[in-house]
Amino acid sequence: MASGRDLAAAGIIAAGLAIGGLFVGSGFARMRTSDRYVTVKGISEREAKADLAIWPLHLVAADNDLAKAHSQIEGSVARIRTFLTTYQIDTSQAELQDFSVTDAATNQYSGQQAGSRYVIRQTVVVRSLKPDLVLAASQRVGELVSAGVVLSSGGEYGSGGPTFVFTGLNKLKPEMIGEATARARESAEKFARDSHSDIGGIRTANQGIFEILPRDQAQGISEASQIMKTVRVVTTIEYSLKD
């Protein structure tokens, strides 16, 4: 049978465990409260217009006489310069690139050749700070074909149509980041009101990546083929919540 002293000691131990359990429970409660937070996203978009156009025109000439084939290429280059001038495009920015000559007679695997012996290829790369003019000219490219210029698609710049580039992203960044951050905070404040809480400090923040997208986002339409573009950034922020 336990003595009175033993019962008293057992009571003290039980009381100590109960008090200790209360403190432990209170500690977990504080941890959960301090760990309350909300993750929100803010989006900012701008419509932007390309300020640079790059238009590659791939030329081809073929003949059994090398000199004649070369003369055809030179004539095509001259017609292209005239064409560009007609549409008010500065020809000083047009560069000749990728000149190559293929001699079918040197290809031992070609067998009997039905076409011309010599094929000359050259690319005229038009670079302009007036994309509207380049777009207008590219829509009349059939005039070059009518003038005897032989064009081919493909090559380093893709299908041969103009590529439209927007170079003013750095000017938009500060304002767009500020707008995306403000919208993220608005979302956090609304969440806090709905949950009867207040917004605390920022736990983490991720600016996100700026994207340049086609304005008309449809299947088969690329950003590079459109003068008008959409610039987008998404900011992700974690705010702590407090009662």
C-alpha atoms as a PDB file:
ATOM      1  CA  MET A   1       0.000   0.000   0.000  1.00  0.00           C
ATOM      2  CA  ALA A   2       1.425   3.395  -1.016  1.00  0.00           C
ATOM      3  CA  SER A   3       2.369   5.758   1.758  1.00  0.00           C
ATOM      4  CA  GLY A   4       1.209   9.358   1.978  1.00  0.00           C
ATOM      5  CA  ARG A   5       4.659  10.509   0.887  1.00  0.00           C
ATOM      6  CA  ASP A   6       4.472   8.373  -2.281  1.00  0.00           C
ATOM      7  CA  LEU A   7       1.031   9.713  -3.135  1.00  0.00           C
ATOM      8  CA  ALA A   8       2.214  13.270  -2.720  1.00  0.00           C
ATOM      9  CA  ALA A   9       5.202  12.669  -5.000  1.00  0.00           C
ATOM     10  CA  ALA A  10       2.982  11.096  -7.639  1.00  0.00           C
ATOM     11  CA  GLY A  11       0.666  14.076  -7.490  1.00  0.00           C
ATOM     12  CA  ILE A  12       3.553  16.499  -7.993  1.00  0.00           C
ATOM     13  CA  ILE A  13       4.795  14.544 -11.025  1.00  0.00           C
ATOM     14  CA  ALA A  14       1.301  14.434 -12.561  1.00  0.00           C
ATOM     15  CA  ALA A  15       0.861  18.160 -12.071  1.00  0.00           C
ATOM     16  CA  GLY A  16       4.238  18.795 -13.640  1.00  0.00           C
ATOM     17  CA  LEU A  17       3.366  16.729 -16.710  1.00  0.00           C
ATOM     18  CA  ALA A  18       0.060  18.544 -17.083  1.00  0.00           C
ATOM     19  CA  ILE A  19       1.727  21.971 -16.898  1.00  0.00           C
ATOM     20  CA  GLY A  20       4.457  20.841 -19.279  1.00  0.00           C
ATOM     21  CA  GLY A  21       1.853  19.580 -21.718  1.00  0.00           C
ATOM     22  CA  LEU A  22       0.086  22.924 -21.555  1.00  0.00           C
ATOM     23  CA  PHE A  23       3.299  24.778 -22.451  1.00  0.00           C
ATOM     24  CA  VAL A  24       4.088  22.355 -25.267  1.00  0.00           C
ATOM     25  CA  GLY A  25       0.596  22.779 -26.695  1.00  0.00           C
ATOM     26  CA  SER A  26       0.867  26.532 -26.421  1.00  0.00           C
ATOM     27  CA  GLY A  27       4.221  26.434 -28.228  1.00  0.00           C
ATOM     28  CA  PHE A  28       2.786  24.515 -31.192  1.00  0.00           C
ATOM     29  CA  ALA A  29      -0.127  26.902 -31.371  1.00  0.00           C
ATOM     30  CA  ARG A  30       2.212  29.865 -31.611  1.00  0.00           C
ATOM     31  CA  MET A  31       4.229  28.129 -34.313  1.00  0.00           C
ATOM     32  CA  ARG A  32       1.156  27.437 -36.385  1.00  0.00           C
ATOM     33  CA  THR A  33      -0.042  30.990 -35.963  1.00  0.00           C
ATOM     34  CA  SER A  34       3.303  32.476 -36.949  1.00  0.00           C
ATOM     35  CA  ASP A  35       3.470  30.162 -39.981  1.00  0.00           C
ATOM     36  CA  ARG A  36       0.228  31.423 -41.515  1.00  0.00           C
ATOM     37  CA  TYR A  37       0.794  32.940 -44.933  1.00  0.00           C
ATOM     38  CA  VAL A  38      -0.794  33.396 -48.338  1.00  0.00           C
ATOM     39  CA  THR A  39       0.764  33.019 -51.786  1.00  0.00           C
ATOM     40  CA  VAL A  40      -0.552  35.391 -54.436  1.00  0.00           C
ATOM     41  CA  LYS A  41       0.264  36.254 -58.039  1.00  0.00           C
ATOM     42  CA  GLY A  42       0.130  39.615 -59.775  1.00  0.00           C
ATOM     43  CA  ILE A  43       0.050  39.968 -63.556  1.00  0.00           C
ATOM     44  CA  SER A  44       1.009  42.962 -65.665  1.00  0.00           C
ATOM     45  CA  GLU A  45       0.571  43.148 -69.435  1.00  0.00           C
ATOM     46  CA  ARG A  46       1.381  45.736 -72.059  1.00  0.00           C
ATOM     47  CA  GLU A  47       0.746  45.910 -75.780  1.00  0.00           C
ATOM     48  CA  ALA A  48       3.995  46.718 -77.577  1.00  0.00           C
ATOM     49  CA  LYS A  49       4.912  47.410 -81.172  1.00  0.00           C
ATOM     50  CA  ALA A  50       8.004  46.006 -82.848  1.00  0.00           C
ATOM     51  CA  ASP A  51      10.689  48.593 -83.563  1.00  0.00           C
ATOM     52  CA  LEU A  52      12.968  46.439 -85.719  1.00  0.00           C
ATOM     53  CA  ALA A  53      12.330  44.310 -88.811  1.00  0.00           C
ATOM     54  CA  ILE A  54      14.700  41.729 -90.283  1.00  0.00           C
ATOM     55  CA  TRP A  55      13.717  40.366 -93.685  1.00  0.00           C
ATOM     56  CA  PRO A  56      15.847  37.750 -95.464  1.00  0.00           C
ATOM     57  CA  LEU A  57      15.348  37.330 -99.203  1.00  0.00           C
ATOM     58  CA  HIS A  58      16.901  34.091-100.441  1.00  0.00           C
ATOM     59  CA  LEU A  59      17.958  34.248-104.108  1.00  0.00           C
ATOM     60  CA  VAL A  60      18.665  31.368-106.479  1.00  0.00           C
ATOM     61  CA  ALA A  61      20.139  31.372-109.987  1.00  0.00           C
ATOM     62  CA  ALA A  62      20.931  28.332-112.144  1.00  0.00           C
ATOM     63  CA  ASP A  63      22.643  27.917-115.522  1.00  0.00           C
ATOM     64  CA  ASN A  64      25.101  25.688-117.315  1.00  0.00           C
ATOM     65  CA  ASP A  65      27.310  28.748-117.717  1.00  0.00           C
ATOM     66  CA  LEU A  66      28.745  29.985-114.396  1.00  0.00           C
ATOM     67  CA  ALA A  67      29.110  33.571-115.597  1.00  0.00           C
ATOM     68  CA  LYS A  68      25.486  33.692-116.669  1.00  0.00           C
ATOM     69  CA  ALA A  69      24.324  32.293-113.348  1.00  0.00           C
ATOM     70  CA  HIS A  70      26.368  34.920-111.534  1.00  0.00           C
ATOM     71  CA  SER A  71      24.935  37.637-113.755  1.00  0.00           C
ATOM     72  CA  GLN A  72      21.429  36.457-112.843  1.00  0.00           C
ATOM     73  CA  ILE A  73      22.217  36.790-109.140  1.00  0.00           C
ATOM     74  CA  GLU A  74      23.625  40.279-109.585  1.00  0.00           C
ATOM     75  CA  GLY A  75      20.557  41.282-111.573  1.00  0.00           C
ATOM     76  CA  SER A  76      18.264  39.934-108.830  1.00  0.00           C
ATOM     77  CA  VAL A  77      20.136  41.895-106.148  1.00  0.00           C
ATOM     78  CA  ALA A  78      19.772  45.083-108.224  1.00  0.00           C
ATOM     79  CA  ARG A  79      16.029  44.492-108.658  1.00  0.00           C
ATOM     80  CA  ILE A  80      15.613  43.938-104.933  1.00  0.00           C
ATOM     81  CA  ARG A  81      17.326  47.241-104.158  1.00  0.00           C
ATOM     82  CA  THR A  82      15.028  49.017-106.604  1.00  0.00           C
ATOM     83  CA  PHE A  83      12.023  47.284-105.061  1.00  0.00           C
ATOM     84  CA  LEU A  84      13.042  48.333-101.543  1.00  0.00           C
ATOM     85  CA  THR A  85      13.577  51.928-102.640  1.00  0.00           C
ATOM     86  CA  THR A  86      10.107  51.964-104.176  1.00  0.00           C
ATOM     87  CA  TYR A  87       8.676  51.124-100.753  1.00  0.00           C
ATOM     88  CA  GLN A  88      10.869  53.731 -98.996  1.00  0.00           C
ATOM     89  CA  ILE A  89      13.107  51.196 -97.259  1.00  0.00           C
ATOM     90  CA  ASP A  90      16.692  52.309 -96.677  1.00  0.00           C
ATOM     91  CA  THR A  91      18.830  49.981 -98.810  1.00  0.00           C
ATOM     92  CA  SER A  92      22.017  50.943 -96.953  1.00  0.00           C
ATOM     93  CA  GLN A  93      20.906  48.491 -94.248  1.00  0.00           C
ATOM     94  CA  ALA A  94      20.562  45.617 -96.725  1.00  0.00           C
ATOM     95  CA  GLU A  95      23.430  43.144 -96.445  1.00  0.00           C
ATOM     96  CA  LEU A  96      24.537  40.343 -98.778  1.00  0.00           C
ATOM     97  CA  GLN A  97      25.089  37.050 -96.967  1.00  0.00           C
ATOM     98  CA  ASP A  98      25.529  33.317 -97.538  1.00  0.00           C
ATOM     99  CA  PHE A  99      26.896  33.345-101.079  1.00  0.00           C
ATOM    100  CA  SER A 100      27.417  29.798-102.372  1.00  0.00           C
ATOM    101  CA  VAL A 101      28.025  28.043-105.674  1.00  0.00           C
ATOM    102  CA  THR A 102      27.150  24.416-106.364  1.00  0.00           C
ATOM    103  CA  ASP A 103      28.705  22.597-109.328  1.00  0.00           C
ATOM    104  CA  ALA A 104      26.738  19.454-110.150  1.00  0.00           C
ATOM    105  CA  ALA A 105      29.683  18.084-112.143  1.00  0.00           C
ATOM    106  CA  THR A 106      31.770  17.788-108.967  1.00  0.00           C
ATOM    107  CA  ASN A 107      29.192  15.642-107.211  1.00  0.00           C
ATOM    108  CA  GLN A 108      30.208  12.061-107.962  1.00  0.00           C
ATOM    109  CA  TYR A 109      26.990  10.711-106.413  1.00  0.00           C
ATOM    110  CA  SER A 110      24.607  12.861-108.445  1.00  0.00           C
ATOM    111  CA  GLY A 111      24.500  10.628-111.532  1.00  0.00           C
ATOM    112  CA  GLN A 112      23.016  12.069-114.682  1.00  0.00           C
ATOM    113  CA  GLN A 113      21.983  15.685-114.151  1.00  0.00           C
ATOM    114  CA  ALA A 114      18.700  16.829-115.696  1.00  0.00           C
ATOM    115  CA  GLY A 115      19.015  20.436-114.501  1.00  0.00           C
ATOM    116  CA  SER A 116      21.604  23.184-114.772  1.00  0.00           C
ATOM    117  CA  ARG A 117      25.190  22.489-113.846  1.00  0.00           C
ATOM    118  CA  TYR A 118      25.728  25.589-111.664  1.00  0.00           C
ATOM    119  CA  VAL A 119      23.425  26.795-108.890  1.00  0.00           C
ATOM    120  CA  ILE A 120      24.241  30.033-107.071  1.00  0.00           C
ATOM    121  CA  ARG A 121      22.522  31.047-103.857  1.00  0.00           C
ATOM    122  CA  GLN A 122      22.692  34.324-101.996  1.00  0.00           C
ATOM    123  CA  THR A 123      20.675  36.014 -99.250  1.00  0.00           C
ATOM    124  CA  VAL A 124      19.839  39.700 -99.067  1.00  0.00           C
ATOM    125  CA  VAL A 125      19.097  40.541 -95.419  1.00  0.00           C
ATOM    126  CA  VAL A 126      17.045  43.711 -95.030  1.00  0.00           C
ATOM    127  CA  ARG A 127      17.287  45.397 -91.628  1.00  0.00           C
ATOM    128  CA  SER A 128      14.982  48.329 -90.926  1.00  0.00           C
ATOM    129  CA  LEU A 129      13.856  50.425 -87.956  1.00  0.00           C
ATOM    130  CA  LYS A 130      10.566  50.995 -89.788  1.00  0.00           C
ATOM    131  CA  PRO A 131       8.716  47.674 -89.517  1.00  0.00           C
ATOM    132  CA  ASP A 132       5.532  49.080 -91.056  1.00  0.00           C
ATOM    133  CA  LEU A 133       7.345  49.737 -94.330  1.00  0.00           C
ATOM    134  CA  VAL A 134       8.859  46.262 -94.356  1.00  0.00           C
ATOM    135  CA  LEU A 135       5.471  44.679 -93.698  1.00  0.00           C
ATOM    136  CA  ALA A 136       3.929  46.602 -96.591  1.00  0.00           C
ATOM    137  CA  ALA A 137       6.756  45.604 -98.936  1.00  0.00           C
ATOM    138  CA  SER A 138       6.627  41.943 -97.889  1.00  0.00           C
ATOM    139  CA  GLN A 139       2.977  41.822 -98.906  1.00  0.00           C
ATOM    140  CA  ARG A 140       3.977  42.863-102.438  1.00  0.00           C
ATOM    141  CA  VAL A 141       6.825  40.408-102.843  1.00  0.00           C
ATOM    142  CA  GLY A 142       5.081  38.951-105.890  1.00  0.00           C
ATOM    143  CA  GLU A 143       6.311  41.994-107.795  1.00  0.00           C
ATOM    144  CA  LEU A 144       9.852  40.670-107.440  1.00  0.00           C
ATOM    145  CA  VAL A 145       8.842  37.336-108.914  1.00  0.00           C
ATOM    146  CA  SER A 146       7.183  39.132-111.822  1.00  0.00           C
ATOM    147  CA  ALA A 147      10.435  41.019-112.376  1.00  0.00           C
ATOM    148  CA  GLY A 148      12.336  37.736-112.764  1.00  0.00           C
ATOM    149  CA  VAL A 149      13.745  37.343-109.243  1.00  0.00           C
ATOM    150  CA  VAL A 150      13.834  33.696-108.173  1.00  0.00           C
ATOM    151  CA  LEU A 151      13.255  33.365-104.421  1.00  0.00           C
ATOM    152  CA  SER A 152      13.499  30.314-102.208  1.00  0.00           C
ATOM    153  CA  SER A 153      12.271  29.749 -98.652  1.00  0.00           C
ATOM    154  CA  GLY A 154      14.203  28.414 -95.690  1.00  0.00           C
ATOM    155  CA  GLY A 155      17.636  29.244 -94.356  1.00  0.00           C
ATOM    156  CA  GLU A 156      18.899  30.779 -91.142  1.00  0.00           C
ATOM    157  CA  TYR A 157      15.916  33.101 -90.637  1.00  0.00           C
ATOM    158  CA  GLY A 158      13.163  30.548 -91.198  1.00  0.00           C
ATOM    159  CA  SER A 159      10.579  30.700 -93.959  1.00  0.00           C
ATOM    160  CA  GLY A 160      11.843  33.945 -95.495  1.00  0.00           C
ATOM    161  CA  GLY A 161       9.159  36.332 -94.236  1.00  0.00           C
ATOM    162  CA  PRO A 162      10.044  39.328 -92.051  1.00  0.00           C
ATOM    163  CA  THR A 163      10.914  38.866 -88.394  1.00  0.00           C
ATOM    164  CA  PHE A 164       9.600  41.665 -86.166  1.00  0.00           C
ATOM    165  CA  VAL A 165      11.546  42.410 -82.994  1.00  0.00           C
ATOM    166  CA  PHE A 166      10.627  44.527 -79.955  1.00  0.00           C
ATOM    167  CA  THR A 167      13.771  45.949 -78.339  1.00  0.00           C
ATOM    168  CA  GLY A 168      12.215  48.271 -75.728  1.00  0.00           C
ATOM    169  CA  LEU A 169      11.643  45.711 -72.960  1.00  0.00           C
ATOM    170  CA  ASN A 170      14.025  47.321 -70.448  1.00  0.00           C
ATOM    171  CA  LYS A 171      12.025  50.566 -70.535  1.00  0.00           C
ATOM    172  CA  LEU A 172       8.839  48.711 -69.596  1.00  0.00           C
ATOM    173  CA  LYS A 173      10.271  46.564 -66.806  1.00  0.00           C
ATOM    174  CA  PRO A 174      10.176  48.964 -63.807  1.00  0.00           C
ATOM    175  CA  GLU A 175       6.589  50.067 -64.341  1.00  0.00           C
ATOM    176  CA  MET A 176       5.335  46.558 -65.083  1.00  0.00           C
ATOM    177  CA  ILE A 177       7.062  45.050 -62.029  1.00  0.00           C
ATOM    178  CA  GLY A 178       5.508  47.749 -59.846  1.00  0.00           C
ATOM    179  CA  GLU A 179       2.070  47.096 -61.314  1.00  0.00           C
ATOM    180  CA  ALA A 180       2.347  43.308 -60.916  1.00  0.00           C
ATOM    181  CA  THR A 181       3.501  43.711 -57.308  1.00  0.00           C
ATOM    182  CA  ALA A 182       0.597  46.067 -56.512  1.00  0.00           C
ATOM    183  CA  ARG A 183      -1.900  43.612 -57.984  1.00  0.00           C
ATOM    184  CA  ALA A 184      -0.404  40.774 -55.961  1.00  0.00           C
ATOM    185  CA  ARG A 185      -0.816  42.810 -52.771  1.00  0.00           C
ATOM    186  CA  GLU A 186      -4.436  43.609 -53.677  1.00  0.00           C
ATOM    187  CA  SER A 187      -5.123  39.888 -53.946  1.00  0.00           C
ATOM    188  CA  ALA A 188      -3.402  39.238 -50.601  1.00  0.00           C
ATOM    189  CA  GLU A 189      -5.398  41.982 -48.886  1.00  0.00           C
ATOM    190  CA  LYS A 190      -8.664  40.580 -50.221  1.00  0.00           C
ATOM    191  CA  PHE A 191      -7.744  37.113 -48.979  1.00  0.00           C
ATOM    192  CA  ALA A 192      -6.835  38.555 -45.572  1.00  0.00           C
ATOM    193  CA  ARG A 193     -10.181  40.356 -45.289  1.00  0.00           C
ATOM    194  CA  ASP A 194     -12.073  37.198 -46.224  1.00  0.00           C
ATOM    195  CA  SER A 195     -10.152  35.200 -43.579  1.00  0.00           C
ATOM    196  CA  HIS A 196     -10.449  37.970 -40.932  1.00  0.00           C
ATOM    197  CA  SER A 197      -6.702  38.497 -40.877  1.00  0.00           C
ATOM    198  CA  ASP A 198      -4.228  41.267 -41.590  1.00  0.00           C
ATOM    199  CA  ILE A 199      -1.337  41.317 -44.064  1.00  0.00           C
ATOM    200  CA  GLY A 200       2.098  41.034 -42.538  1.00  0.00           C
ATOM    201  CA  GLY A 201       5.510  41.262 -44.159  1.00  0.00           C
ATOM    202  CA  ILE A 202       6.729  39.614 -47.337  1.00  0.00           C
ATOM    203  CA  ARG A 203       8.150  36.129 -46.769  1.00  0.00           C
ATOM    204  CA  THR A 204       9.377  35.479 -50.294  1.00  0.00           C
ATOM    205  CA  ALA A 205       9.035  37.213 -53.646  1.00  0.00           C
ATOM    206  CA  ASN A 206       9.635  35.986 -57.184  1.00  0.00           C
ATOM    207  CA  GLN A 207       9.561  38.534 -59.993  1.00  0.00           C
ATOM    208  CA  GLY A 208       9.019  35.922 -62.679  1.00  0.00           C
ATOM    209  CA  ILE A 209      10.144  36.017 -66.310  1.00  0.00           C
ATOM    210  CA  PHE A 210       9.116  38.608 -68.856  1.00  0.00           C
ATOM    211  CA  GLU A 211       7.443  37.057 -71.879  1.00  0.00           C
ATOM    212  CA  ILE A 212       6.940  38.593 -75.302  1.00  0.00           C
ATOM    213  CA  LEU A 213       3.941  36.922 -76.895  1.00  0.00           C
ATOM    214  CA  PRO A 214       2.008  37.420 -80.125  1.00  0.00           C
ATOM    215  CA  ARG A 215      -0.850  39.860 -79.629  1.00  0.00           C
ATOM    216  CA  ASP A 216      -3.180  37.501 -81.506  1.00  0.00           C
ATOM    217  CA  GLN A 217      -2.546  34.178 -79.810  1.00  0.00           C
ATOM    218  CA  ALA A 218      -3.903  31.585 -82.181  1.00  0.00           C
ATOM    219  CA  GLN A 219      -2.583  28.277 -83.419  1.00  0.00           C
ATOM    220  CA  GLY A 220       0.113  28.679 -86.047  1.00  0.00           C
ATOM    221  CA  ILE A 221       0.806  32.370 -85.302  1.00  0.00           C
ATOM    222  CA  SER A 222       4.287  33.116 -84.021  1.00  0.00           C
ATOM    223  CA  GLU A 223       5.389  36.143 -82.028  1.00  0.00           C
ATOM    224  CA  ALA A 224       8.145  36.962 -84.532  1.00  0.00           C
ATOM    225  CA  SER A 225       5.681  37.273 -87.425  1.00  0.00           C
ATOM    226  CA  GLN A 226       3.554  39.960 -85.739  1.00  0.00           C
ATOM    227  CA  ILE A 227       4.361  43.652 -85.416  1.00  0.00           C
ATOM    228  CA  MET A 228       2.047  44.009 -82.407  1.00  0.00           C
ATOM    229  CA  LYS A 229       2.990  41.961 -79.366  1.00  0.00           C
ATOM    230  CA  THR A 230       1.919  41.389 -75.765  1.00  0.00           C
ATOM    231  CA  VAL A 231       4.517  41.776 -73.006  1.00  0.00           C
ATOM    232  CA  ARG A 232       3.659  39.919 -69.790  1.00  0.00           C
ATOM    233  CA  VAL A 233       5.218  39.384 -66.385  1.00  0.00           C
ATOM    234  CA  VAL A 234       3.840  37.400 -63.431  1.00  0.00           C
ATOM    235  CA  THR A 235       5.044  38.187 -59.894  1.00  0.00           C
ATOM    236  CA  THR A 236       4.623  35.597 -57.110  1.00  0.00           C
ATOM    237  CA  ILE A 237       4.735  36.846 -53.504  1.00  0.00           C
ATOM    238  CA  GLU A 238       4.191  35.175 -50.110  1.00  0.00           C
ATOM    239  CA  TYR A 239       2.740  37.427 -47.394  1.00  0.00           C
ATOM    240  CA  SER A 240       2.540  36.430 -43.746  1.00  0.00           C
ATOM    241  CA  LEU A 241      -0.878  36.694 -42.097  1.00  0.00           C
ATOM    242  CA  LYS A 242      -1.563  37.972 -38.609  1.00  0.00           C
ATOM    243  CA  ASP A 243      -4.680  38.163 -36.489  1.00  0.00           C
END
